[in-house]
Amino acid sequence: MACKYCADYIARGLKDVENFEKACEALRLDPHKQSDWEAIVRAMVMIGQFGTIRLARRFPFVTDEKTFLMVARTALNFYWMTLDFWEDKLVIERQKRKEADEKAAADLQAHIDAKIKEHEKARATFLEQFRIKG
């Protein structure tokens, strides 16, 4: 996994996820060490997504039941936080796309209105040729 957003995930994890540092410590990873960030994100997301079976298989050294449950719960909260992170990004992206679409629609409508006026002016000029002057 190319961890483009690892720094954001770790920062939000430290701020928003309860027991994040303790869980990282139990997994023998350091959230303050940049070289561990990708491993932390991968581990927490896998555990949060697939549950305690992934924790037991990938981290067999976490044997204390209390610590095991704390890590599992923290990983689940971290996984939910990553989903919220993407939902927030998608909402912002949708809003930008909506604004761009509205601007494009307004520009198109202005272009159509200009063409209609141009056509009406050309039509009036054309009809003026055939008007009987008296």
Foldseek 3Di string as FASTA:
>chain_A
DPCPCLVVLLVCLVVPFPCLQVLCVLQVAGSVDPVCSVVSLVLLLCCLVVHLVSVCVPRVVNDDPVSSVVNSVSSVVSNVVVVVVVVVVVVVVVVVVVVVVVVVVVVVVVVVVVVVVVVVVVVVVVVVVVDDDD
